[in-house]
């Protein structure tokens, strides 16, 4: 059986690369999180949104019933 110098050199290279990553100093702390985006108040118009959703639901049901006839 012949010893392949290329396989040995690639194995050593992989071993040294792996060992160098374990021997590296730890990375510093992560950057601080950015502030949250400005909030849009949905509380004031939640009733309007529910009303629009109900009207749209009735509209689509009526449209579906008319198409099925």
C-alpha atoms as a PDB file:
ATOM      1  CA  UNK A   1       0.000   0.000   0.000  1.00  0.00           C
ATOM      2  CA  UNK A   2       1.401   3.329  -1.058  1.00  0.00           C
ATOM      3  CA  UNK A   3       1.296   6.361   1.288  1.00  0.00           C
ATOM      4  CA  UNK A   4      -0.276   9.299  -0.484  1.00  0.00           C
ATOM      5  CA  UNK A   5       1.511  12.535   0.473  1.00  0.00           C
ATOM      6  CA  UNK A   6      -1.389  14.575  -0.861  1.00  0.00           C
ATOM      7  CA  UNK A   7      -3.892  12.925   1.514  1.00  0.00           C
ATOM      8  CA  UNK A   8      -1.552  13.414   4.464  1.00  0.00           C
ATOM      9  CA  UNK A   9      -0.979  17.090   3.659  1.00  0.00           C
ATOM     10  CA  UNK A  10      -4.726  17.702   3.233  1.00  0.00           C
ATOM     11  CA  UNK A  11      -5.464  15.925   6.508  1.00  0.00           C
ATOM     12  CA  UNK A  12      -2.857  18.002   8.340  1.00  0.00           C
ATOM     13  CA  UNK A  13      -4.211  21.186   6.786  1.00  0.00           C
ATOM     14  CA  UNK A  14      -7.752  20.325   7.908  1.00  0.00           C
ATOM     15  CA  UNK A  15      -6.511  19.475  11.404  1.00  0.00           C
ATOM     16  CA  UNK A  16      -4.535  22.713  11.734  1.00  0.00           C
ATOM     17  CA  UNK A  17      -7.445  24.776  10.463  1.00  0.00           C
ATOM     18  CA  UNK A  18      -9.784  23.189  12.985  1.00  0.00           C
ATOM     19  CA  UNK A  19      -7.324  23.642  15.836  1.00  0.00           C
ATOM     20  CA  UNK A  20      -6.705  27.282  14.946  1.00  0.00           C
ATOM     21  CA  UNK A  21     -10.411  28.076  15.206  1.00  0.00           C
ATOM     22  CA  UNK A  22     -10.576  26.527  18.671  1.00  0.00           C
ATOM     23  CA  UNK A  23      -7.445  28.391  19.784  1.00  0.00           C
ATOM     24  CA  UNK A  24      -8.731  31.796  18.605  1.00  0.00           C
ATOM     25  CA  UNK A  25      -9.673  34.300  21.305  1.00  0.00           C
ATOM     26  CA  UNK A  26     -13.411  34.654  21.943  1.00  0.00           C
ATOM     27  CA  UNK A  27     -15.273  37.244  19.963  1.00  0.00           C
ATOM     28  CA  UNK A  28     -16.367  40.397  21.779  1.00  0.00           C
ATOM     29  CA  UNK A  29     -19.927  40.997  22.907  1.00  0.00           C
ATOM     30  CA  UNK A  30     -22.568  41.392  20.217  1.00  0.00           C
ATOM     31  CA  UNK A  31     -23.511  44.910  19.171  1.00  0.00           C
ATOM     32  CA  UNK A  32     -26.405  46.466  21.048  1.00  0.00           C
ATOM     33  CA  UNK A  33     -29.831  45.937  19.561  1.00  0.00           C
ATOM     34  CA  UNK A  34     -31.209  48.883  17.598  1.00  0.00           C
ATOM     35  CA  UNK A  35     -34.151  50.751  19.045  1.00  0.00           C
ATOM     36  CA  UNK A  36     -37.557  49.494  17.942  1.00  0.00           C
ATOM     37  CA  UNK A  37     -39.265  51.316  15.082  1.00  0.00           C
ATOM     38  CA  UNK A  38     -41.719  54.021  16.011  1.00  0.00           C
ATOM     39  CA  UNK A  39     -45.035  52.436  16.790  1.00  0.00           C
ATOM     40  CA  UNK A  40     -48.217  53.276  15.039  1.00  0.00           C
ATOM     41  CA  UNK A  41     -51.189  53.358  17.392  1.00  0.00           C
ATOM     42  CA  UNK A  42     -53.702  50.784  16.256  1.00  0.00           C
ATOM     43  CA  UNK A  43     -55.831  51.121  19.393  1.00  0.00           C
ATOM     44  CA  UNK A  44     -57.712  54.149  18.189  1.00  0.00           C
ATOM     45  CA  UNK A  45     -58.923  52.614  14.933  1.00  0.00           C
ATOM     46  CA  UNK A  46     -59.383  48.964  15.917  1.00  0.00           C
ATOM     47  CA  UNK A  47     -63.179  49.318  15.811  1.00  0.00           C
ATOM     48  CA  UNK A  48     -62.979  50.675  12.274  1.00  0.00           C
ATOM     49  CA  UNK A  49     -60.717  47.802  11.209  1.00  0.00           C
ATOM     50  CA  UNK A  50     -63.113  45.205  12.659  1.00  0.00           C
ATOM     51  CA  UNK A  51     -66.061  46.872  10.920  1.00  0.00           C
ATOM     52  CA  UNK A  52     -64.248  46.914   7.569  1.00  0.00           C
ATOM     53  CA  UNK A  53     -63.307  43.236   8.008  1.00  0.00           C
ATOM     54  CA  UNK A  54     -66.926  42.248   8.702  1.00  0.00           C
ATOM     55  CA  UNK A  55     -68.222  44.228   5.712  1.00  0.00           C
ATOM     56  CA  UNK A  56     -65.567  42.700   3.452  1.00  0.00           C
ATOM     57  CA  UNK A  57     -66.415  39.222   4.728  1.00  0.00           C
ATOM     58  CA  UNK A  58     -70.120  39.678   3.945  1.00  0.00           C
ATOM     59  CA  UNK A  59     -69.222  41.078   0.522  1.00  0.00           C
ATOM     60  CA  UNK A  60     -67.040  38.088  -0.386  1.00  0.00           C
ATOM     61  CA  UNK A  61     -69.625  35.580   0.912  1.00  0.00           C
ATOM     62  CA  UNK A  62     -72.387  37.238  -1.109  1.00  0.00           C
ATOM     63  CA  UNK A  63     -70.182  37.344  -4.188  1.00  0.00           C
ATOM     64  CA  UNK A  64     -69.310  33.658  -3.774  1.00  0.00           C
ATOM     65  CA  UNK A  65     -72.985  32.674  -3.341  1.00  0.00           C
ATOM     66  CA  UNK A  66     -73.974  34.626  -6.469  1.00  0.00           C
ATOM     67  CA  UNK A  67     -71.254  32.916  -8.516  1.00  0.00           C
ATOM     68  CA  UNK A  68     -72.223  29.449  -7.321  1.00  0.00           C
ATOM     69  CA  UNK A  69     -75.874  29.854  -8.483  1.00  0.00           C
END
